[in-house]
Amino acid sequence: MKRIISIILAIALVPAALCMSSCGKKSSSSKQSSKNYTQRYMEETEKQRLMLLGDEAAKRAEELTAGCIFRNTDYDEMYSQYGITGKRPDREEDNYPFIVVKTTENEPTGNDKIIAWSEATADNELMSEKDVSELKTVVWCRYYTKTASYGGTEEKGTSEGVLIYYVDPSTGQILDKDEIKARTLDLYAVGGIPHYKINHVALLVTITDHIAGKDSSSEDG
């Protein structure tokens, strides 16, 4: 009788043991997946970081593109009047190479800065006239700032947002549009009056995701 009871208990414990084993493996697999995702994200972010231009390379790029049509157009105004006037290529690779031009709502057209180039490298090599002629897309970024007053102080909270226009450099046509919305400024500031900025690498991640066809319209955070 004791032997029969022992056999029954052994059979009953097998599924439990298997469950514990499989559950442990599932948990380990989940952790590994999370680690791989983080690693992939860091690697991808590093690729965007390499696109950023140093002062000398940015100055050279601005000199080479000074007379280009996209440097003399207010795309906020054009978009409000005509909307998207061209079609961005469906294939991701056909949108490369591109440069990223940054301006702000308070600056007149022409006072913009080139902050990134898709073909830049860690060596930060200078752009050439041939490089300019091969550009497929200009990503024109108009920064804006939302403000909020907080009682008892003259200082205002600020939150950056950016309107992103994808432009054909040969025609000046708007091919697509995206936005990183300004973060919400809470009525009550905890830990000091907030000043939210958009990191250039985060901007580039948004741009490359959008070009790749991912839904990237977001609130920066």
Protein backbone atom coordinates (compact mmCIF):
# COMPACT_ATOMS: atom_id res chain seq x y z
CA MET A 1 0.00 0.00 0.00
CA LYS A 2 2.81 2.38 0.94
CA ARG A 3 4.48 1.59 -2.37
CA ILE A 4 1.29 2.46 -4.30
CA ILE A 5 0.96 5.77 -2.45
CA SER A 6 4.62 6.60 -3.23
CA ILE A 7 4.05 5.90 -6.94
CA ILE A 8 0.92 8.12 -6.98
CA LEU A 9 2.80 10.96 -5.26
CA ALA A 10 5.69 10.63 -7.68
CA ILE A 11 3.34 10.85 -10.68
CA ALA A 12 1.58 13.88 -9.17
CA LEU A 13 4.85 15.69 -8.56
CA VAL A 14 6.18 15.24 -12.13
CA PRO A 15 3.91 17.95 -13.74
CA ALA A 16 4.77 20.32 -10.91
CA ALA A 17 8.48 19.72 -11.45
CA LEU A 18 8.06 20.20 -15.20
CA CYS A 19 6.10 23.40 -14.61
CA MET A 20 8.77 24.77 -12.31
CA SER A 21 11.41 23.89 -14.88
CA SER A 22 9.52 25.41 -17.81
CA CYS A 23 8.49 28.49 -15.83
CA GLY A 24 12.10 29.06 -14.91
CA LYS A 25 13.13 28.78 -18.54
CA LYS A 26 10.37 31.18 -19.61
CA SER A 27 11.45 33.76 -17.06
CA SER A 28 15.09 33.44 -18.16
CA SER A 29 14.06 33.73 -21.82
CA SER A 30 12.02 36.85 -21.05
CA LYS A 31 14.97 38.46 -19.29
CA GLN A 32 17.25 37.58 -22.20
CA SER A 33 14.76 39.05 -24.68
CA SER A 34 14.59 42.28 -22.67
CA LYS A 35 18.39 42.43 -22.55
CA ASN A 36 18.64 41.86 -26.31
CA TYR A 37 16.07 44.63 -26.96
CA THR A 38 18.01 47.07 -24.77
CA GLN A 39 21.26 46.15 -26.51
CA ARG A 40 19.71 46.56 -29.96
CA TYR A 41 18.26 49.95 -28.94
CA MET A 42 21.64 51.14 -27.64
CA GLU A 43 23.34 50.03 -30.86
CA GLU A 44 20.69 51.76 -32.96
CA THR A 45 21.00 54.93 -30.89
CA GLU A 46 24.74 54.89 -31.41
CA LYS A 47 24.17 54.85 -35.19
CA GLN A 48 22.05 57.99 -34.88
CA ARG A 49 24.67 59.65 -32.71
CA LEU A 50 27.27 59.19 -35.45
CA MET A 51 25.10 61.24 -37.82
CA LEU A 52 25.57 64.37 -35.73
CA LEU A 53 27.98 66.91 -37.20
CA GLY A 54 30.71 68.66 -35.27
CA ASP A 55 31.11 72.44 -35.55
CA GLU A 56 33.60 72.36 -38.44
CA ALA A 57 31.65 69.78 -40.47
CA ALA A 58 28.35 71.62 -39.85
CA LYS A 59 29.86 74.94 -40.94
CA ARG A 60 31.18 73.34 -44.14
CA ALA A 61 27.75 71.81 -44.88
CA GLU A 62 26.03 75.15 -44.32
CA GLU A 63 28.46 76.91 -46.68
CA LEU A 64 27.87 74.33 -49.41
CA THR A 65 24.08 74.48 -49.14
CA ALA A 66 23.70 78.23 -48.59
CA GLY A 67 22.17 78.82 -52.05
CA CYS A 68 19.91 75.77 -52.10
CA ILE A 69 16.15 76.20 -52.44
CA PHE A 70 15.39 74.49 -49.13
CA ARG A 71 17.45 77.07 -47.24
CA ASN A 72 15.20 79.89 -48.43
CA THR A 73 11.75 78.48 -47.76
CA ASP A 74 9.43 78.70 -44.76
CA TYR A 75 7.97 75.19 -44.68
CA ASP A 76 5.56 76.02 -41.85
CA GLU A 77 3.93 78.58 -44.10
CA MET A 78 4.11 76.38 -47.20
CA TYR A 79 2.54 73.43 -45.37
CA SER A 80 -0.28 75.57 -43.98
CA GLN A 81 -1.10 76.75 -47.51
CA TYR A 82 -0.48 73.68 -49.63
CA GLY A 83 0.09 70.70 -47.34
CA ILE A 84 2.20 67.80 -48.65
CA THR A 85 3.02 68.61 -52.26
CA GLY A 86 5.11 65.60 -53.28
CA LYS A 87 5.47 61.89 -52.52
CA ARG A 88 8.26 60.45 -50.42
CA PRO A 89 9.79 57.26 -51.85
CA ASP A 90 8.25 54.11 -50.40
CA ARG A 91 11.58 52.33 -50.14
CA GLU A 92 13.52 53.40 -47.06
CA GLU A 93 16.88 53.38 -48.83
CA ASP A 94 15.61 55.78 -51.52
CA ASN A 95 15.30 58.53 -48.88
CA TYR A 96 19.05 58.38 -48.24
CA PRO A 97 21.31 60.29 -48.07
CA PHE A 98 19.70 63.08 -46.07
CA ILE A 99 20.65 66.03 -43.92
CA VAL A 100 18.82 67.50 -40.94
CA VAL A 101 18.28 71.26 -40.85
CA LYS A 102 17.27 72.88 -37.57
CA THR A 103 15.60 76.26 -37.04
CA THR A 104 13.23 77.77 -34.48
CA GLU A 105 9.91 79.60 -34.55
CA ASN A 106 11.58 82.89 -33.59
CA GLU A 107 14.26 82.84 -36.28
CA PRO A 108 13.78 84.16 -39.82
CA THR A 109 14.21 81.76 -42.73
CA GLY A 110 17.89 81.35 -43.57
CA ASN A 111 19.09 81.38 -39.95
CA ASP A 112 18.96 77.61 -39.80
CA LYS A 113 21.69 75.15 -38.87
CA ILE A 114 22.62 71.77 -40.28
CA ILE A 115 23.00 69.42 -37.33
CA ALA A 116 23.20 65.96 -38.94
CA TRP A 117 24.06 64.07 -42.11
CA SER A 118 23.11 60.44 -42.71
CA GLU A 119 26.54 59.70 -44.19
CA ALA A 120 28.54 61.20 -41.32
CA THR A 121 30.95 58.96 -39.45
CA ALA A 122 32.90 59.01 -36.23
CA ASP A 123 35.72 60.71 -38.19
CA ASN A 124 33.31 63.59 -38.90
CA GLU A 125 34.54 63.97 -42.46
CA LEU A 126 33.57 67.13 -44.33
CA MET A 127 30.74 67.19 -46.85
CA SER A 128 31.66 67.84 -50.50
CA GLU A 129 29.75 69.40 -53.39
CA LYS A 130 29.21 65.89 -54.75
CA ASP A 131 27.63 64.89 -51.43
CA VAL A 132 25.22 67.81 -51.69
CA SER A 133 24.24 66.85 -55.25
CA GLU A 134 23.44 63.30 -54.09
CA LEU A 135 21.06 64.32 -51.28
CA LYS A 136 17.65 62.68 -51.62
CA THR A 137 15.96 64.26 -48.61
CA VAL A 138 16.29 67.34 -46.45
CA VAL A 139 14.68 66.94 -43.05
CA TRP A 140 13.70 70.47 -42.05
CA CYS A 141 12.99 70.79 -38.32
CA ARG A 142 11.19 73.82 -36.90
CA TYR A 143 11.47 73.93 -33.10
CA TYR A 144 8.75 75.61 -31.06
CA THR A 145 8.39 76.21 -27.33
CA LYS A 146 5.34 76.02 -25.10
CA THR A 147 5.44 77.99 -21.86
CA ALA A 148 3.54 78.00 -18.59
CA SER A 149 3.54 80.51 -15.73
CA TYR A 150 4.05 79.37 -12.17
CA GLY A 151 2.80 81.59 -9.35
CA GLY A 152 5.24 83.56 -7.25
CA THR A 153 8.02 83.70 -9.83
CA GLU A 154 8.79 85.51 -13.05
CA GLU A 155 10.41 82.41 -14.53
CA LYS A 156 8.25 80.40 -16.92
CA GLY A 157 8.32 76.68 -17.49
CA THR A 158 9.26 75.69 -21.05
CA SER A 159 8.73 72.63 -23.21
CA GLU A 160 10.23 72.11 -26.67
CA GLY A 161 8.42 70.52 -29.56
CA VAL A 162 9.48 70.14 -33.18
CA LEU A 163 7.66 70.05 -36.50
CA ILE A 164 9.52 67.83 -38.95
CA TYR A 165 9.20 68.26 -42.71
CA TYR A 166 10.71 65.85 -45.23
CA VAL A 167 11.67 67.90 -48.28
CA ASP A 168 12.85 67.18 -51.82
CA PRO A 169 16.04 69.29 -52.05
CA SER A 170 15.78 69.72 -55.82
CA THR A 171 12.23 71.12 -55.84
CA GLY A 172 11.55 72.27 -52.29
CA GLN A 173 8.39 70.13 -52.22
CA ILE A 174 7.20 68.77 -48.88
CA LEU A 175 7.21 64.97 -49.13
CA ASP A 176 6.00 64.12 -45.62
CA LYS A 177 5.50 65.56 -42.14
CA ASP A 178 5.98 64.38 -38.58
CA GLU A 179 6.13 65.94 -35.12
CA ILE A 180 7.61 65.45 -31.70
CA LYS A 181 5.02 67.15 -29.53
CA ALA A 182 6.04 69.32 -26.63
CA ARG A 183 5.66 67.62 -23.27
CA THR A 184 2.79 68.75 -21.06
CA LEU A 185 3.72 71.35 -18.47
CA ASP A 186 1.96 70.33 -15.27
CA LEU A 187 0.12 73.01 -13.35
CA TYR A 188 2.14 72.26 -10.23
CA ALA A 189 5.91 72.05 -10.66
CA VAL A 190 7.44 69.37 -8.46
CA GLY A 191 11.18 69.66 -7.96
CA GLY A 192 11.52 73.03 -9.66
CA ILE A 193 10.17 74.79 -12.73
CA PRO A 194 10.50 72.39 -15.73
CA HIS A 195 12.47 73.09 -18.88
CA TYR A 196 12.01 70.18 -21.31
CA LYS A 197 14.48 69.92 -24.20
CA ILE A 198 14.56 67.60 -27.20
CA ASN A 199 17.83 65.72 -27.45
CA HIS A 200 19.34 65.68 -30.95
CA VAL A 201 19.85 61.91 -30.82
CA ALA A 202 16.18 61.42 -29.88
CA LEU A 203 15.27 63.64 -32.84
CA LEU A 204 17.37 61.48 -35.18
CA VAL A 205 15.79 58.28 -33.84
CA THR A 206 12.37 59.77 -34.61
CA ILE A 207 13.49 60.78 -38.12
CA THR A 208 15.05 57.44 -39.06
CA ASP A 209 12.06 55.55 -37.61
CA HIS A 210 9.70 57.69 -39.70
CA ILE A 211 11.73 57.14 -42.86
CA ALA A 212 11.63 53.41 -42.11
CA GLY A 213 7.83 53.58 -42.05
CA LYS A 214 7.35 53.31 -38.29
CA ASP A 215 4.69 55.38 -36.53
CA SER A 216 6.88 57.80 -34.65
CA SER A 217 4.70 60.85 -33.95
CA SER A 218 5.11 61.18 -30.23
CA GLU A 219 5.46 63.31 -27.16
CA ASP A 220 9.13 63.57 -26.30
CA GLY A 221 9.92 62.10 -22.96
